[in-house]
Amino acid sequence: MLNKKLDGRVKSQRPLAQFTTYKIGGPADYYFKAENQVDLKNAVLAARELNLPFFILARGSNVLISDSGFRGLIVHNKPRQCTVKGNSIVADSGINLSQLANFAKENSLSGIEFAAGIPGSLGGAIRGNAGAWGKEMKDLVKKVLIISEQGVFKESNQEQCEFKYRDSVFKHNSEIILSAELGLQKGNKDEIAKEIRRIVKEKKKKQEFKLPSAGCVFKNPLVDYSISELIQKKIDPEKRKADGTIPAGYLIEETGLKGKRIGDAMVSDIHANFIVNLGKATAENVIILIGIIKEKVRGQFGIQLQEEIQYVGFDN
């Protein structure tokens, strides 16, 4: 029935590791590649009509897929079109953020340089309000085209997205992001290119790029300790950011967990908020390591870390 609704293009028992930046994940019961927004809408509507669990996968970053895979439909979000609209860009949710930053550069539009080097899609970045260098997606989003929970196309403005730190309304409902309009500013193409190169260079110095990972595993925790309390707990007060958060990577490094390994999953020795796949890591390896990290940070600093990555296939 599902295959009939989707023009016979559904694949069965498709391994998912190849579609993730972690290179981890078992097979999906059903897999469908959405080539355009109509495909994406049809897949979502078909899954809902059949009461079939589904998950939208784009770049496959920021997710950890179960070793047993996904009992339902994986919709691979491939639409990656983008157009210029005045000083704005309208782009499909499946576009890579680095591609989007380069597209903006080629059209002399500035404001999204911070996203260069983030290995994710526009839809995922909006859903999680991704950010770097003091900027977040909420600073750019003007409106988002979605498939509503009732299965119709609908636009949400910036306020309706309910952005918070690494959060949005889309993490708490069943709406699917199709595309978004981002407000940018006219700029000098050469200066924009220079800034993108600087950001990518800095990221390569400080973050893990050589080994498969899902990016930062944990959100930076909001810590309301006084300065004296920070010092008492041996946390450098200078590490606290203007928004009150302390880098999770710093806390993990202070526990001495850099290089900690479970199977082929390891806390990166470059950036402690990255867990890398040394070759044959399993989701179970990563889960065990996440548990160790949370326990260590909680025990040493009294701070409960919360995952930024999304778990897929662990509850079905």
Protein backbone atom coordinates (compact mmCIF):
# COMPACT_ATOMS: atom_id res chain seq x y z
CA MET A 1 0.00 0.00 0.00
CA LEU A 2 2.81 2.45 0.93
CA ASN A 3 4.74 1.68 -2.25
CA LYS A 4 1.62 2.20 -4.34
CA LYS A 5 1.02 5.61 -2.75
CA LEU A 6 4.62 6.64 -3.49
CA ASP A 7 4.86 5.48 -7.11
CA GLY A 8 6.74 2.26 -6.38
CA ARG A 9 9.83 4.13 -5.18
CA VAL A 10 9.93 2.79 -1.64
CA LYS A 11 12.89 0.58 -0.70
CA SER A 12 12.74 -2.03 2.05
CA GLN A 13 15.36 -2.76 4.72
CA ARG A 14 17.68 0.06 3.59
CA PRO A 15 20.76 0.43 5.84
CA LEU A 16 20.89 3.95 7.27
CA ALA A 17 24.51 4.29 8.39
CA GLN A 18 25.53 5.49 4.93
CA PHE A 19 23.13 8.44 5.22
CA THR A 20 24.45 9.77 8.54
CA THR A 21 27.56 11.72 9.46
CA TYR A 22 28.11 9.24 12.31
CA LYS A 23 28.16 6.29 9.88
CA ILE A 24 26.04 4.46 12.44
CA GLY A 25 22.54 3.00 12.15
CA GLY A 26 20.68 -0.17 11.26
CA PRO A 27 18.12 -0.63 8.46
CA ALA A 28 14.80 1.16 8.03
CA ASP A 29 11.73 -0.93 7.32
CA TYR A 30 10.98 1.51 4.49
CA TYR A 31 13.07 4.17 2.79
CA PHE A 32 11.88 6.85 0.35
CA LYS A 33 13.95 9.56 -1.34
CA ALA A 34 11.96 12.77 -1.69
CA GLU A 35 13.26 14.66 -4.72
CA ASN A 36 11.00 17.71 -4.32
CA GLN A 37 8.48 19.29 -1.97
CA VAL A 38 5.58 17.37 -3.51
CA ASP A 39 7.41 14.09 -2.83
CA LEU A 40 8.04 15.18 0.73
CA LYS A 41 4.41 16.10 1.31
CA ASN A 42 3.14 12.87 -0.29
CA ALA A 43 5.44 10.75 1.86
CA VAL A 44 4.35 12.47 5.06
CA LEU A 45 0.66 12.20 4.17
CA ALA A 46 1.01 8.52 3.20
CA ALA A 47 2.74 7.66 6.45
CA ARG A 48 0.14 9.51 8.51
CA GLU A 49 -2.74 7.89 6.62
CA LEU A 50 -1.27 4.44 7.25
CA ASN A 51 -0.44 5.29 10.88
CA LEU A 52 3.18 4.44 10.09
CA PRO A 53 6.01 6.00 12.15
CA PHE A 54 8.22 8.19 9.97
CA PHE A 55 11.32 10.33 10.29
CA ILE A 56 12.63 13.06 7.99
CA LEU A 57 16.36 12.61 7.36
CA ALA A 58 18.34 15.22 5.44
CA ARG A 59 22.10 15.49 5.94
CA GLY A 60 22.01 12.91 8.74
CA SER A 61 24.01 15.09 11.14
CA ASN A 62 23.05 15.65 14.77
CA VAL A 63 21.29 12.26 14.91
CA LEU A 64 22.11 8.89 16.38
CA ILE A 65 20.22 6.01 14.78
CA SER A 66 19.67 2.77 16.67
CA ASP A 67 21.69 -0.30 15.74
CA SER A 68 18.39 -2.06 15.09
CA GLY A 69 17.36 0.68 12.66
CA PHE A 70 13.95 2.31 12.34
CA ARG A 71 10.61 0.52 12.41
CA GLY A 72 8.80 2.71 9.95
CA LEU A 73 9.48 5.04 7.00
CA ILE A 74 12.64 7.10 6.60
CA VAL A 75 12.01 10.00 4.23
CA HIS A 76 15.29 11.24 2.77
CA ASN A 77 14.82 14.96 2.25
CA LYS A 78 16.74 15.77 -0.95
CA PRO A 79 15.15 19.02 -2.29
CA ARG A 80 17.93 21.65 -2.24
CA GLN A 81 16.72 24.54 -4.37
CA CYS A 82 17.29 28.14 -3.34
CA THR A 83 16.44 31.49 -4.91
CA VAL A 84 17.10 35.14 -4.16
CA LYS A 85 14.19 37.38 -3.19
CA GLY A 86 15.48 40.92 -2.71
CA ASN A 87 17.81 40.73 0.28
CA SER A 88 16.38 37.37 1.28
CA ILE A 89 17.00 33.78 0.26
CA VAL A 90 14.21 31.23 -0.07
CA ALA A 91 15.64 27.72 0.28
CA ASP A 92 14.42 24.13 0.55
CA SER A 93 14.84 22.54 3.97
CA GLY A 94 17.15 19.83 2.62
CA ILE A 95 19.92 22.18 1.48
CA ASN A 96 23.31 21.88 3.16
CA LEU A 97 24.17 24.90 5.33
CA SER A 98 27.59 25.31 3.77
CA GLN A 99 26.01 25.27 0.30
CA LEU A 100 23.55 27.88 1.48
CA ALA A 101 26.31 30.10 2.86
CA ASN A 102 28.18 29.85 -0.45
CA PHE A 103 25.00 30.60 -2.42
CA ALA A 104 24.53 33.73 -0.31
CA LYS A 105 28.15 34.71 -0.94
CA GLU A 106 27.76 34.32 -4.71
CA ASN A 107 24.80 36.70 -4.52
CA SER A 108 26.64 39.17 -2.27
CA LEU A 109 24.31 38.53 0.66
CA SER A 110 25.71 38.56 4.18
CA GLY A 111 24.48 37.22 7.50
CA ILE A 112 24.70 33.45 7.23
CA GLU A 113 28.47 33.13 7.19
CA PHE A 114 28.35 31.64 10.70
CA ALA A 115 26.69 28.52 9.28
CA ALA A 116 29.65 27.70 7.02
CA GLY A 117 31.15 24.43 8.16
CA ILE A 118 28.10 23.29 10.15
CA PRO A 119 27.39 19.81 8.72
CA GLY A 120 23.63 20.01 8.67
CA SER A 121 20.60 20.95 6.61
CA LEU A 122 18.56 24.13 6.76
CA GLY A 123 15.51 22.29 8.10
CA GLY A 124 17.48 20.66 10.89
CA ALA A 125 19.18 23.95 11.71
CA ILE A 126 15.83 25.72 12.05
CA ARG A 127 14.34 22.88 14.07
CA GLY A 128 17.23 23.00 16.53
CA ASN A 129 17.91 26.75 16.21
CA ALA A 130 21.53 25.99 15.33
CA GLY A 131 24.09 28.64 16.06
CA ALA A 132 27.75 29.58 16.17
CA TRP A 133 29.88 32.64 16.77
CA GLY A 134 27.13 34.30 18.82
CA LYS A 135 24.50 34.00 16.09
CA GLU A 136 21.53 31.65 15.66
CA MET A 137 19.07 30.71 12.94
CA LYS A 138 16.35 32.69 14.71
CA ASP A 139 18.26 35.85 13.76
CA LEU A 140 17.65 35.12 10.07
CA VAL A 141 14.30 33.34 9.76
CA LYS A 142 11.51 35.50 8.36
CA LYS A 143 9.03 32.73 7.67
CA VAL A 144 8.91 28.98 7.28
CA LEU A 145 6.75 26.93 4.90
CA ILE A 146 5.54 23.79 6.64
CA ILE A 147 3.24 20.82 6.29
CA SER A 148 0.83 21.25 9.18
CA GLU A 149 -0.33 18.44 11.44
CA GLN A 150 -3.52 18.49 9.34
CA GLY A 151 -1.49 17.86 6.18
CA VAL A 152 -1.80 21.27 4.52
CA PHE A 153 0.83 23.80 3.46
CA LYS A 154 1.10 26.64 5.96
CA GLU A 155 3.47 29.51 6.70
CA SER A 156 4.83 30.27 10.16
CA ASN A 157 6.49 33.60 10.92
CA GLN A 158 9.53 34.03 13.13
CA GLU A 159 7.48 34.50 16.29
CA GLN A 160 5.39 31.40 15.62
CA CYS A 161 8.58 29.32 15.40
CA GLU A 162 9.05 29.93 19.17
CA PHE A 163 12.83 29.85 19.00
CA LYS A 164 14.84 29.22 22.15
CA TYR A 165 18.40 28.06 22.77
CA ARG A 166 18.84 25.01 20.48
CA ASP A 167 15.08 24.68 20.38
CA SER A 168 11.97 25.62 18.42
CA VAL A 169 8.30 24.71 18.22
CA PHE A 170 9.19 22.11 15.56
CA LYS A 171 10.85 19.94 18.22
CA HIS A 172 7.52 19.70 20.01
CA ASN A 173 4.96 19.19 17.24
CA SER A 174 4.50 17.12 14.10
CA GLU A 175 4.90 19.94 11.59
CA ILE A 176 7.38 19.34 8.76
CA ILE A 177 9.62 22.15 7.47
CA LEU A 178 9.57 22.38 3.66
CA SER A 179 11.45 25.63 3.06
CA ALA A 180 12.31 28.92 4.69
CA GLU A 181 12.86 32.56 3.85
CA LEU A 182 15.98 34.03 5.46
CA GLY A 183 16.54 37.76 5.80
CA LEU A 184 20.10 38.81 4.94
CA GLN A 185 21.93 42.04 4.06
CA LYS A 186 23.73 43.22 0.98
CA GLY A 187 27.46 42.85 1.35
CA ASN A 188 30.77 42.71 -0.46
CA LYS A 189 31.31 39.31 -2.06
CA ASP A 190 35.05 39.28 -1.39
CA GLU A 191 34.57 40.24 2.26
CA ILE A 192 31.89 37.58 2.70
CA ALA A 193 34.20 34.97 1.15
CA LYS A 194 37.00 36.06 3.47
CA GLU A 195 34.75 35.68 6.52
CA ILE A 196 33.62 32.21 5.42
CA ARG A 197 37.23 31.11 5.00
CA ARG A 198 38.08 32.47 8.45
CA ILE A 199 35.19 30.67 10.11
CA VAL A 200 35.92 27.35 8.41
CA LYS A 201 39.61 27.65 9.32
CA GLU A 202 38.77 28.34 12.97
CA LYS A 203 36.33 25.43 13.07
CA LYS A 204 38.95 23.05 11.70
CA LYS A 205 41.34 24.15 14.45
CA LYS A 206 38.88 23.64 17.28
CA GLN A 207 36.44 20.98 16.12
CA GLU A 208 36.62 17.39 14.91
CA PHE A 209 36.41 17.07 11.13
CA LYS A 210 38.61 14.08 10.30
CA LEU A 211 36.49 11.36 11.92
CA PRO A 212 32.75 10.66 11.62
CA SER A 213 30.66 12.38 14.28
CA ALA A 214 27.27 13.97 14.80
CA GLY A 215 28.73 17.32 15.82
CA CYS A 216 28.24 18.55 19.38
CA VAL A 217 26.57 15.87 21.49
CA PHE A 218 25.40 18.12 24.33
CA LYS A 219 23.83 21.56 24.66
CA ASN A 220 25.87 24.12 26.56
CA PRO A 221 24.23 24.11 30.01
CA LEU A 222 22.77 27.26 31.54
CA VAL A 223 24.54 27.60 34.90
CA ASP A 224 23.29 30.01 37.55
CA TYR A 225 26.15 29.53 40.01
CA SER A 226 27.63 32.67 41.54
CA ILE A 227 31.25 33.47 40.77
CA SER A 228 32.30 32.15 44.17
CA GLU A 229 30.37 28.93 43.54
CA LEU A 230 32.04 28.54 40.16
CA ILE A 231 35.46 28.97 41.74
CA GLN A 232 34.54 26.54 44.53
CA LYS A 233 33.61 23.93 41.93
CA LYS A 234 36.82 24.70 40.02
CA ILE A 235 35.00 26.11 36.99
CA ASP A 236 36.77 29.05 35.38
CA PRO A 237 34.29 31.99 35.62
CA GLU A 238 35.76 33.35 32.37
CA LYS A 239 34.30 30.34 30.56
CA ARG A 240 30.73 31.46 31.22
CA LYS A 241 29.26 33.08 28.11
CA ALA A 242 27.14 36.22 27.95
CA ASP A 243 23.97 34.09 27.78
CA GLY A 244 24.86 32.35 31.05
CA THR A 245 25.90 29.05 29.49
CA ILE A 246 29.16 27.23 29.98
CA PRO A 247 30.60 25.19 27.07
CA ALA A 248 29.81 21.52 27.54
CA GLY A 249 33.11 20.69 25.87
CA TYR A 250 35.02 22.58 28.57
CA LEU A 251 33.19 20.74 31.38
CA ILE A 252 33.80 17.35 29.74
CA GLU A 253 37.48 18.14 29.20
CA GLU A 254 37.83 19.15 32.85
CA THR A 255 36.62 15.69 33.91
CA GLY A 256 39.55 14.17 32.04
CA LEU A 257 37.37 12.28 29.57
CA LYS A 258 39.09 13.37 26.36
CA GLY A 259 40.13 10.21 24.59
CA LYS A 260 37.77 8.02 26.64
CA ARG A 261 36.74 5.09 24.49
CA ILE A 262 33.96 2.52 24.46
CA GLY A 263 34.44 0.14 21.56
CA ASP A 264 35.13 2.36 18.55
CA ALA A 265 33.28 5.36 20.02
CA MET A 266 35.63 7.93 21.55
CA VAL A 267 35.45 11.36 23.13
CA SER A 268 37.36 13.48 20.62
CA ASP A 269 40.81 14.62 21.72
CA ILE A 270 40.24 17.81 19.71
CA HIS A 271 36.82 18.90 21.03
CA ALA A 272 35.44 17.06 24.06
CA ASN A 273 31.80 17.70 23.08
CA PHE A 274 32.29 15.47 20.03
CA ILE A 275 32.04 11.70 20.20
CA VAL A 276 33.75 10.24 17.14
CA ASN A 277 33.47 6.94 15.30
CA LEU A 278 36.90 5.36 14.97
CA GLY A 279 35.60 2.92 12.38
CA LYS A 280 33.19 0.36 13.76
CA ALA A 281 31.39 2.21 16.54
CA THR A 282 27.84 1.16 17.32
CA ALA A 283 24.98 3.23 18.65
CA GLU A 284 25.25 1.21 21.85
CA ASN A 285 28.89 2.28 22.22
CA VAL A 286 27.89 5.91 21.86
CA ILE A 287 24.99 5.59 24.32
CA ILE A 288 27.27 4.06 26.97
CA LEU A 289 29.82 6.84 26.47
CA ILE A 290 27.12 9.51 26.72
CA GLY A 291 26.02 8.00 30.02
CA ILE A 292 29.57 8.06 31.38
CA ILE A 293 30.02 11.70 30.38
CA LYS A 294 26.75 12.80 31.99
CA GLU A 295 27.56 10.94 35.20
CA LYS A 296 31.09 12.40 35.40
CA VAL A 297 29.99 16.01 34.77
CA ARG A 298 27.09 15.70 37.21
CA GLY A 299 29.31 14.18 39.88
CA GLN A 300 32.13 16.71 39.53
CA PHE A 301 30.20 19.92 38.88
CA GLY A 302 26.58 19.22 39.85
CA ILE A 303 25.52 20.05 36.30
CA GLN A 304 23.15 17.86 34.30
CA LEU A 305 24.08 17.82 30.61
CA GLN A 306 21.31 17.50 28.04
CA GLU A 307 21.79 15.95 24.63
CA GLU A 308 21.70 18.13 21.52
CA ILE A 309 21.70 15.11 19.22
CA GLN A 310 18.41 13.42 18.36
CA TYR A 311 17.84 9.74 19.01
CA VAL A 312 16.14 7.85 16.16
CA GLY A 313 14.71 4.36 16.32
CA PHE A 314 15.23 3.75 20.03
CA ASP A 315 11.55 3.87 20.93
CA ASN A 316 10.03 1.70 18.20
